[in-house]
Protein backbone atom coordinates (compact mmCIF):
# COMPACT_ATOMS: atom_id res chain seq x y z
CA MET A 1 0.00 0.00 0.00
CA ARG A 2 0.91 3.65 -0.30
CA ILE A 3 0.53 5.50 2.97
CA THR A 4 1.65 8.79 4.49
CA VAL A 5 2.69 9.50 8.06
CA ILE A 6 2.17 13.12 9.11
CA GLY A 7 4.40 14.13 12.00
CA THR A 8 7.84 12.55 12.41
CA GLY A 9 8.47 12.70 16.14
CA TYR A 10 8.85 9.53 18.19
CA VAL A 11 5.60 7.95 17.04
CA GLY A 12 5.69 9.18 13.45
CA ALA A 13 9.32 8.41 12.62
CA VAL A 14 9.05 4.91 14.06
CA HIS A 15 5.67 4.21 12.48
CA ALA A 16 6.85 5.37 9.06
CA ALA A 17 10.00 3.25 9.18
CA CYS A 18 8.16 0.19 10.47
CA MET A 19 5.40 0.43 7.86
CA ALA A 20 8.08 0.62 5.16
CA GLU A 21 9.83 -2.35 6.74
CA THR A 22 6.64 -4.42 6.42
CA GLY A 23 6.51 -3.70 2.68
CA HIS A 24 4.44 -0.54 2.25
CA GLU A 25 5.55 2.52 0.29
CA VAL A 26 5.63 5.35 2.81
CA LEU A 27 5.94 9.13 2.63
CA GLY A 28 6.65 10.93 5.91
CA VAL A 29 5.62 14.56 6.34
CA ASP A 30 6.78 17.24 8.76
CA ILE A 31 7.04 21.03 8.83
CA ASP A 32 10.58 20.83 10.25
CA ALA A 33 12.82 21.01 7.17
CA ASP A 34 15.96 20.09 9.11
CA ARG A 35 14.30 16.99 10.50
CA ILE A 36 13.11 15.99 7.03
CA ALA A 37 16.64 16.38 5.64
CA SER A 38 18.00 14.24 8.47
CA LEU A 39 15.41 11.52 7.91
CA ASN A 40 16.00 11.48 4.15
CA ALA A 41 19.66 10.91 5.02
CA ALA A 42 18.49 7.92 7.12
CA LYS A 43 19.44 9.57 10.42
CA ALA A 44 16.95 9.28 13.27
CA PRO A 45 16.04 12.56 15.00
CA MET A 46 16.15 10.85 18.40
CA HIS A 47 17.95 8.03 20.19
CA GLU A 48 15.84 4.92 19.69
CA PRO A 49 17.41 1.45 19.49
CA GLY A 50 17.12 -0.05 16.01
CA LEU A 51 15.64 3.01 14.31
CA ASP A 52 18.80 4.11 12.50
CA ASP A 53 19.23 0.63 10.99
CA LEU A 54 15.58 0.56 9.97
CA LEU A 55 15.82 3.97 8.30
CA THR A 56 19.01 3.00 6.49
CA ARG A 57 17.34 -0.09 5.10
CA THR A 58 13.96 1.34 4.12
CA VAL A 59 15.23 4.66 2.77
CA GLY A 60 17.96 2.80 0.91
CA PHE A 61 15.45 0.42 -0.66
CA GLY A 62 13.32 3.37 -1.81
CA ARG A 63 10.27 2.38 0.24
CA LEU A 64 10.52 5.39 2.52
CA ARG A 65 11.10 9.08 1.93
CA PHE A 66 10.15 12.34 3.60
CA THR A 67 8.76 15.73 2.57
CA THR A 68 7.46 18.99 4.02
CA SER A 69 4.53 19.16 1.58
CA LEU A 70 1.02 18.04 2.56
CA THR A 71 -0.07 18.61 -1.02
CA GLU A 72 2.53 16.09 -2.16
CA ALA A 73 1.31 13.71 0.53
CA ALA A 74 -2.32 14.01 -0.59
CA ALA A 75 -1.34 13.24 -4.16
CA PHE A 76 0.84 10.32 -3.06
CA ALA A 77 -1.72 8.26 -1.12
CA GLN A 78 -5.27 7.96 0.12
CA LEU A 79 -4.37 6.62 3.55
CA HIS A 80 -2.88 9.15 5.97
CA PHE A 81 -1.73 8.58 9.55
CA ILE A 82 -1.66 11.60 11.89
CA CYS A 83 1.19 11.31 14.41
CA VAL A 84 1.63 14.86 15.71
CA GLY A 85 2.05 15.77 19.36
CA THR A 86 -0.74 16.51 21.80
CA PRO A 87 1.06 18.18 24.73
CA GLN A 88 -0.58 19.58 27.83
CA ARG A 89 -2.06 23.03 27.31
CA PRO A 90 -0.09 25.83 28.97
CA ASP A 91 -3.21 27.19 30.70
CA SER A 92 -4.87 23.96 31.88
CA PRO A 93 -4.32 20.20 32.31
CA ALA A 94 -6.27 19.51 29.10
CA ALA A 95 -4.63 18.27 25.91
CA ASP A 96 -3.50 20.85 23.37
CA LEU A 97 -4.98 19.67 20.06
CA ARG A 98 -3.80 22.56 17.90
CA HIS A 99 -1.37 20.38 15.90
CA VAL A 100 -3.97 17.69 15.18
CA ASP A 101 -6.51 20.31 14.19
CA ALA A 102 -3.98 22.08 11.97
CA VAL A 103 -3.17 18.88 10.09
CA VAL A 104 -6.84 18.14 9.37
CA GLU A 105 -7.49 21.76 8.33
CA ALA A 106 -4.54 21.79 5.93
CA LEU A 107 -5.07 18.28 4.59
CA ALA A 108 -8.82 18.43 3.97
CA PRO A 109 -8.79 20.74 0.90
CA VAL A 110 -6.22 18.61 -0.94
CA LEU A 111 -7.47 15.11 -0.08
CA ARG A 112 -8.35 12.78 -2.93
CA PRO A 113 -11.90 11.37 -2.90
CA GLY A 114 -12.19 8.27 -0.74
CA SER A 115 -9.21 9.13 1.46
CA LEU A 116 -8.93 7.70 4.96
CA VAL A 117 -7.35 9.85 7.68
CA VAL A 118 -6.22 7.76 10.65
CA GLY A 119 -5.27 9.36 13.94
CA LYS A 120 -2.54 7.79 16.03
CA SER A 121 -2.00 10.74 18.34
CA THR A 122 -3.26 10.41 21.91
CA VAL A 123 -6.40 12.55 22.12
CA PRO A 124 -9.41 13.08 24.43
CA VAL A 125 -12.43 10.92 23.73
CA GLY A 126 -14.67 12.59 21.17
CA THR A 127 -11.85 14.10 19.13
CA ALA A 128 -12.36 11.78 16.16
CA ALA A 129 -16.06 12.59 16.00
CA ARG A 130 -15.34 16.32 16.12
CA LEU A 131 -12.72 16.06 13.37
CA ALA A 132 -14.99 13.89 11.23
CA ALA A 133 -17.69 16.58 11.34
CA ARG A 134 -15.15 19.20 10.32
CA LEU A 135 -13.78 17.02 7.52
CA ARG A 136 -17.24 16.42 6.05
CA LYS A 137 -17.58 20.15 5.32
CA THR A 138 -14.46 20.30 3.12
CA ALA A 139 -13.87 16.71 2.04
CA PRO A 140 -17.22 14.89 2.28
CA GLN A 141 -15.85 11.74 0.61
CA ALA A 142 -13.04 11.39 3.15
CA GLU A 143 -13.29 9.49 6.42
CA ILE A 144 -11.72 9.60 9.90
CA ALA A 145 -10.61 6.57 11.92
CA TRP A 146 -8.55 6.24 15.11
CA ASN A 147 -5.71 3.80 15.70
CA PRO A 148 -3.92 4.59 18.99
CA GLU A 149 -0.26 3.66 19.42
CA PHE A 150 1.09 1.73 22.40
CA LEU A 151 4.83 1.97 21.79
CA ARG A 152 7.30 2.52 24.60
CA GLU A 153 10.29 4.77 24.12
CA GLY A 154 13.39 2.62 24.18
CA SER A 155 11.56 -0.31 22.57
CA ALA A 156 9.45 1.58 20.03
CA VAL A 157 10.62 -0.35 16.97
CA ARG A 158 9.90 -3.71 18.57
CA ASP A 159 6.56 -2.52 19.91
CA THR A 160 5.50 -1.33 16.44
CA LEU A 161 6.64 -4.37 14.48
CA TRP A 162 5.48 -6.89 17.11
CA PRO A 163 2.65 -5.16 18.99
CA GLU A 164 0.78 -6.80 21.85
CA ARG A 165 -2.50 -5.72 20.25
CA LEU A 166 -3.90 -3.49 17.53
CA VAL A 167 -6.89 -1.25 18.18
CA VAL A 168 -8.79 0.55 15.43
CA GLY A 169 -11.86 2.76 15.76
CA VAL A 170 -13.79 2.99 12.50
CA THR A 171 -17.20 3.94 11.18
CA SER A 172 -17.26 1.83 8.00
CA GLU A 173 -16.27 -1.59 6.70
CA ARG A 174 -14.10 0.11 4.11
CA ALA A 175 -11.98 1.72 6.80
CA GLU A 176 -11.64 -1.57 8.69
CA GLU A 177 -10.57 -3.39 5.54
CA ALA A 178 -7.96 -0.74 4.76
CA LEU A 179 -6.43 -0.96 8.24
CA ARG A 180 -6.48 -4.76 8.18
CA GLU A 181 -4.48 -4.52 4.97
CA VAL A 182 -2.01 -2.08 6.55
CA TYR A 183 -1.40 -4.44 9.44
CA ALA A 184 -1.69 -7.70 7.50
CA PRO A 185 1.86 -8.86 8.44
CA MET A 186 1.02 -8.54 12.15
CA LEU A 187 -2.39 -10.15 11.78
CA ARG A 188 -0.87 -13.14 9.99
CA VAL A 189 1.19 -13.97 13.08
CA GLY A 190 -1.80 -13.70 15.41
CA VAL A 191 -1.59 -10.19 16.88
CA PRO A 192 -4.98 -9.49 18.55
CA PHE A 193 -7.04 -7.03 16.50
CA PHE A 194 -9.78 -4.99 18.18
CA CYS A 195 -12.12 -3.23 15.77
CA THR A 196 -14.46 -0.82 17.52
CA ASP A 197 -15.86 2.70 17.27
CA PRO A 198 -13.52 5.73 17.39
CA SER A 199 -14.56 6.80 20.90
CA THR A 200 -13.75 3.41 22.38
CA ALA A 201 -10.40 3.36 20.56
CA GLU A 202 -9.55 6.77 21.99
CA LEU A 203 -10.49 5.60 25.48
CA VAL A 204 -8.43 2.41 25.23
CA LYS A 205 -5.26 4.50 25.03
CA ALA A 206 -6.26 6.86 27.84
CA ALA A 207 -7.37 4.00 30.08
CA ALA A 208 -4.22 1.96 29.46
CA ASN A 209 -1.87 4.83 30.33
CA SER A 210 -3.94 5.73 33.39
CA PHE A 211 -3.89 2.16 34.68
CA LEU A 212 -0.14 1.80 34.22
CA ALA A 213 0.51 5.14 35.90
CA THR A 214 -1.72 4.04 38.76
CA LYS A 215 0.34 0.86 39.28
CA ILE A 216 3.55 2.90 39.44
CA SER A 217 2.11 5.37 41.94
CA PHE A 218 0.57 2.58 43.99
CA ILE A 219 3.89 0.88 44.62
CA ASN A 220 5.50 4.23 45.37
CA ALA A 221 2.77 4.93 47.92
CA MET A 222 3.68 1.56 49.47
CA ALA A 223 7.32 2.70 49.52
CA GLU A 224 6.31 5.68 51.63
CA ILE A 225 4.59 3.35 54.10
CA CYS A 226 7.64 1.06 54.11
CA ASP A 227 9.86 4.00 55.03
CA ALA A 228 7.59 4.78 57.95
CA SER A 229 7.32 1.18 59.14
CA GLY A 230 10.79 -0.23 58.45
CA ALA A 231 9.58 -2.64 55.73
CA ASP A 232 11.23 -3.30 52.34
CA VAL A 233 9.22 -2.22 49.30
CA THR A 234 11.21 -4.29 46.81
CA THR A 235 10.28 -7.54 48.54
CA LEU A 236 6.71 -6.29 48.90
CA ALA A 237 6.54 -5.60 45.15
CA GLU A 238 7.93 -9.02 44.25
CA ALA A 239 5.52 -10.78 46.58
CA ILE A 240 2.34 -9.06 45.43
CA GLY A 241 3.51 -9.23 41.83
CA GLU A 242 3.43 -13.03 41.97
CA ASP A 243 -0.34 -12.78 42.28
CA SER A 244 -1.58 -13.41 38.74
CA ARG A 245 -4.37 -10.91 39.29
CA ILE A 246 -1.80 -8.16 39.93
CA GLY A 247 1.31 -9.04 37.90
CA ARG A 248 4.87 -7.84 38.35
CA SER A 249 5.10 -5.28 35.54
CA PHE A 250 5.00 -1.57 36.47
CA LEU A 251 5.53 -2.36 40.16
CA GLN A 252 9.08 -0.99 40.21
CA PRO A 253 9.34 1.32 43.22
CA GLY A 254 11.44 4.42 42.81
CA LEU A 255 11.47 7.91 41.43
CA GLY A 256 8.24 7.56 39.45
CA PHE A 257 7.20 8.20 35.87
CA GLY A 258 7.92 11.09 33.52
CA GLY A 259 8.25 11.60 29.79
CA SER A 260 5.87 12.96 27.23
CA CYS A 261 2.98 10.52 27.80
CA PHE A 262 1.93 9.43 31.28
CA PRO A 263 1.96 12.81 33.09
CA LYS A 264 0.09 14.81 30.47
CA ASP A 265 -2.17 11.90 29.44
CA ILE A 266 -3.61 11.27 32.91
CA ARG A 267 -4.15 15.00 33.39
CA ALA A 268 -5.87 15.29 30.01
CA PHE A 269 -8.03 12.24 30.78
CA ALA A 270 -9.16 13.76 34.07
CA ALA A 271 -9.82 17.11 32.38
CA ARG A 272 -11.92 15.46 29.67
CA ALA A 273 -13.90 13.55 32.27
CA GLU A 274 -14.69 16.87 33.96
CA GLU A 275 -15.89 18.26 30.61
CA LEU A 276 -18.17 15.24 30.23
CA GLY A 277 -19.58 15.77 33.71
CA VAL A 278 -18.06 12.59 35.17
CA GLY A 279 -14.95 13.98 36.81
CA ASP A 280 -15.72 12.12 40.06
CA ALA A 281 -15.12 8.83 38.23
CA VAL A 282 -11.41 9.57 37.84
CA THR A 283 -10.69 11.61 40.97
CA PHE A 284 -8.08 9.00 41.84
CA LEU A 285 -5.95 10.18 38.91
CA HIS A 286 -5.21 13.41 40.76
CA GLN A 287 -3.80 11.28 43.60
CA VAL A 288 -1.80 9.21 41.12
CA ASP A 289 -0.27 12.40 39.75
CA GLY A 290 0.35 13.79 43.23
CA ILE A 291 2.08 10.63 44.48
CA ASN A 292 4.30 10.66 41.42
CA ILE A 293 5.41 14.26 41.91
CA ARG A 294 5.91 13.62 45.63
CA GLN A 295 8.50 10.92 44.83
CA ARG A 296 10.74 13.62 43.40
CA ARG A 297 10.46 15.71 46.55
CA ARG A 298 11.03 12.66 48.74
CA SER A 299 14.21 11.83 46.81
CA VAL A 300 15.51 15.35 47.35
CA ASP A 301 14.58 15.18 51.04
CA LEU A 302 16.39 11.85 51.44
CA ALA A 303 19.48 13.18 49.70
CA ARG A 304 19.50 16.30 51.84
CA ALA A 305 19.29 14.23 55.03
CA LEU A 306 22.15 12.01 53.88
CA VAL A 307 24.51 14.98 53.53
CA GLY A 308 23.67 16.43 56.93
CA GLY A 309 20.60 18.56 56.29
CA SER A 310 21.93 21.06 53.73
CA PHE A 311 23.25 20.93 50.17
CA ALA A 312 25.25 24.11 50.57
CA GLY A 313 28.85 23.43 49.62
CA ARG A 314 28.15 19.83 48.67
CA THR A 315 28.97 18.09 45.40
CA VAL A 316 26.41 15.64 44.01
CA GLY A 317 27.04 13.26 41.13
CA VAL A 318 23.88 12.38 39.21
CA LEU A 319 23.62 9.22 37.14
CA GLY A 320 20.92 9.74 34.54
CA ALA A 321 19.16 12.58 32.74
CA ALA A 322 16.68 10.88 30.39
CA PHE A 323 13.24 10.11 31.78
CA LYS A 324 13.89 6.40 31.10
CA PRO A 325 16.75 4.25 29.80
CA GLU A 326 17.36 3.62 26.07
CA SER A 327 16.04 7.09 25.27
CA ASP A 328 17.42 10.61 24.96
CA ASP A 329 14.03 12.12 25.85
CA VAL A 330 14.21 14.52 28.80
CA ARG A 331 10.64 15.80 28.71
CA ASP A 332 9.30 15.88 32.27
CA SER A 333 12.34 13.89 33.36
CA PRO A 334 12.22 13.02 37.09
CA ALA A 335 16.03 12.77 37.05
CA LEU A 336 16.54 16.33 35.86
CA ALA A 337 13.81 17.66 38.13
CA VAL A 338 15.65 16.19 41.13
CA ALA A 339 19.06 17.39 39.88
CA ALA A 340 17.77 20.94 39.36
CA ALA A 341 16.09 21.01 42.78
CA ILE A 342 19.33 19.93 44.50
CA GLN A 343 21.34 22.53 42.61
CA ALA A 344 18.81 25.21 43.57
CA GLU A 345 19.58 24.44 47.21
CA GLY A 346 23.26 25.20 46.76
CA ALA A 347 24.93 21.99 45.64
CA GLU A 348 27.29 21.62 42.73
CA VAL A 349 25.55 19.02 40.57
CA ARG A 350 27.24 17.11 37.76
CA VAL A 351 25.04 14.97 35.52
CA HIS A 352 25.97 11.99 33.36
CA ASP A 353 23.78 10.18 30.83
CA PRO A 354 24.73 7.79 28.01
CA ALA A 355 22.47 9.45 25.42
CA ALA A 356 20.59 12.49 26.73
CA ILE A 357 23.32 15.02 27.57
CA ASP A 358 22.63 17.30 24.59
CA ASN A 359 18.89 17.40 25.21
CA ALA A 360 19.44 17.85 28.94
CA ARG A 361 21.82 20.74 28.39
CA THR A 362 19.21 22.45 26.21
CA ALA A 363 16.45 21.96 28.80
CA PHE A 364 18.58 22.69 31.90
CA PRO A 365 21.57 24.77 30.76
CA ASP A 366 22.56 25.75 34.32
CA LEU A 367 23.42 22.20 35.37
CA LYS A 368 26.92 20.81 34.81
CA TYR A 369 27.34 17.77 32.59
CA SER A 370 30.00 15.09 32.25
CA LEU A 371 30.55 12.66 29.40
CA VAL A 372 32.08 9.99 31.61
CA ILE A 373 30.85 8.57 34.92
CA PRO A 374 34.02 9.11 36.99
CA GLU A 375 34.12 12.80 36.07
CA ALA A 376 30.49 13.26 37.12
CA CYS A 377 31.22 11.64 40.48
CA GLU A 378 34.66 13.12 41.20
CA ASP A 379 34.92 14.34 44.81
CA ALA A 380 31.18 13.87 45.25
CA ASP A 381 29.63 13.89 48.71
CA LEU A 382 26.72 11.88 47.32
CA VAL A 383 25.92 9.92 44.16
CA MET A 384 22.31 9.69 43.00
CA HIS A 385 21.16 6.96 40.61
CA LEU A 386 18.18 8.51 38.84
CA THR A 387 17.78 6.77 35.45
CA PRO A 388 18.20 2.97 35.33
CA TRP A 389 20.55 2.62 32.37
CA GLN A 390 22.39 -0.70 32.07
CA ASP A 391 25.64 1.30 32.08
CA TYR A 392 25.05 2.09 35.73
CA ALA A 393 24.28 -1.50 36.65
CA GLU A 394 27.72 -2.37 35.25
CA ILE A 395 29.65 0.17 37.37
CA ASP A 396 32.35 -1.31 39.58
CA PRO A 397 31.43 0.29 42.91
CA ALA A 398 34.90 -0.34 44.34
CA VAL A 399 36.48 1.67 41.52
CA LEU A 400 33.96 4.49 41.86
CA ALA A 401 34.54 4.59 45.62
CA GLY A 402 38.08 5.75 44.87
CA VAL A 403 36.73 8.72 42.93
CA VAL A 404 34.15 10.19 45.31
CA ARG A 405 34.76 12.14 48.51
CA ILE A 406 32.16 10.20 50.52
CA PRO A 407 30.83 6.81 49.32
CA LEU A 408 27.12 7.60 49.71
CA LEU A 409 24.58 6.38 47.18
CA VAL A 410 20.88 6.99 46.69
CA ASP A 411 19.48 4.32 44.40
CA ALA A 412 16.31 6.18 43.47
CA ARG A 413 15.36 3.49 40.95
CA ASN A 414 15.91 0.40 43.11
CA THR A 415 17.68 -1.41 40.27
CA LEU A 416 21.32 -1.55 41.40
CA ASP A 417 22.90 -4.49 43.23
CA VAL A 418 22.99 -2.54 46.47
CA HIS A 419 24.67 -5.37 48.38
CA ALA A 420 27.62 -5.22 45.97
CA TRP A 421 27.86 -1.48 46.59
CA GLN A 422 27.74 -2.04 50.33
CA ARG A 423 30.49 -4.65 50.15
CA ALA A 424 32.59 -2.05 48.32
CA GLY A 425 32.23 0.33 51.25
CA TRP A 426 29.24 2.40 50.19
CA ARG A 427 26.39 3.55 52.40
CA VAL A 428 23.26 3.00 50.31
CA ARG A 429 19.72 4.26 50.69
CA ALA A 430 16.61 4.00 48.54
CA LEU A 431 13.01 5.07 48.95
CA GLY A 432 11.03 2.33 50.63
CA ARG A 433 14.13 0.48 51.92
CA PRO A 434 15.08 2.06 55.24
CA ARG A 435 17.03 -1.02 56.38
CA LEU A 436 19.67 -0.68 53.65
CA GLY A 437 21.78 1.41 56.00
CA GLY A 438 22.35 -1.60 58.23
CA ALA A 439 23.42 -1.42 61.85
CA SER A 440 24.20 1.83 63.62
CA ARG A 441 27.59 3.33 62.85
CA PRO A 442 29.53 6.24 64.30
CA LEU A 443 29.57 9.78 62.95
CA VAL A 444 31.19 10.03 59.52
CA GLN A 445 33.76 12.82 59.34
CA THR A 446 35.18 13.55 55.88
CA ALA A 447 36.80 16.63 54.38
CA GLY A 448 35.62 18.80 57.24
CA HIS A 449 32.00 17.66 56.93
CA GLU A 450 30.22 15.86 59.74
CA VAL A 451 27.28 13.69 58.70
CA PRO A 452 25.12 12.26 61.52
CA ASP A 453 24.72 8.52 61.25
CA GLY A 454 20.96 8.78 61.64
CA ALA A 455 20.87 10.92 58.52
CA LEU A 456 22.97 8.40 56.65
CA LEU A 457 20.67 5.56 57.61
CA GLY A 458 17.44 7.49 57.28
CA SER A 459 16.40 6.20 60.71
CA ASN A 460 12.93 7.09 61.95
């Protein structure tokens, strides 16, 4: 098939490349001329494992190319995927749909008769119906459908080529048949296919993200109780996760979620529910959001206590800037929020990340950045593990102990082998694991700084 993909951010660039990989002829469209030039040169605009190879192959084979012209796109195909961003509005928690609306407005006058416009962007329920009514005025023979994406940054290529399910919201058999043809390679290997109405398809995405965010905030709420009671949240998570009704995924206690999806999507979902007059049904989402933000403050509070109650004059090495590993995305990054908060209280903060340094420097230019881990941690009074990259799991804690001033570690992601760090002489703390400090020890006195042992252990 010939298809276009309008918007070449995370979703659009990956979707375009993956559709070309499955055999379709694809034209990607974006208003950013520099991005289009980069993509035509088979260079991904973001760090995403496997995407560069996929672009090299599909662009090289001639199945994929990119343009800035919607008119060219309309002439090229009759099936158009919309993959533009829907960020949070600056004046409210609702979704900002200006980019989606702009695409439909610009595309409608040039659409060929019988065209199908398929939204993949995450939107409030009712958006497809509203856009369909608008499209009928300018392009009455065109049709709107909705096909939400479920990719995860860091595994977006795999999630697109081998999805756990496909969901399409359509209003005609013709639209369903077209989308079945698009995804025929996936359907042949048994990927579940849910064909429903557009409103249900829109809600599937919002509900899925809200449920996953709720699981993350739930286990972090349990971490807060563990800190107060002396229990260990990691064992708690493993134990309840063995219950088949609960499951282990998304029960990783730590710093919480960030990125361009979960935070703004749960806020937009709650805002849309208010508009529909059923805001009470999702009141819990405000608590989910609040717990998540509180994890950042709790991490800062823990770090402050570990260095004696004040960051003034302290040096803090930060491991991680991206909001999650295998990504260079720093949008709403918990790691950078914590780093900036610590710096604002007077610490010298040096940040390392395997992929996100450039983006982090653009978003937080006042922080200091290091390209190698030892430099970020040199003479540090505290090291904070804030993004769970595999690079950090492979650190030799004994070697790093020879670099820092005080071997103190906050594992804010609960993914390091903390016992190995302890054997190498480190004092380790993590949210929800107050017993990591071990037995009482005397006052630590290093480089003129006195750190009370109770602060080191986080004793209650």
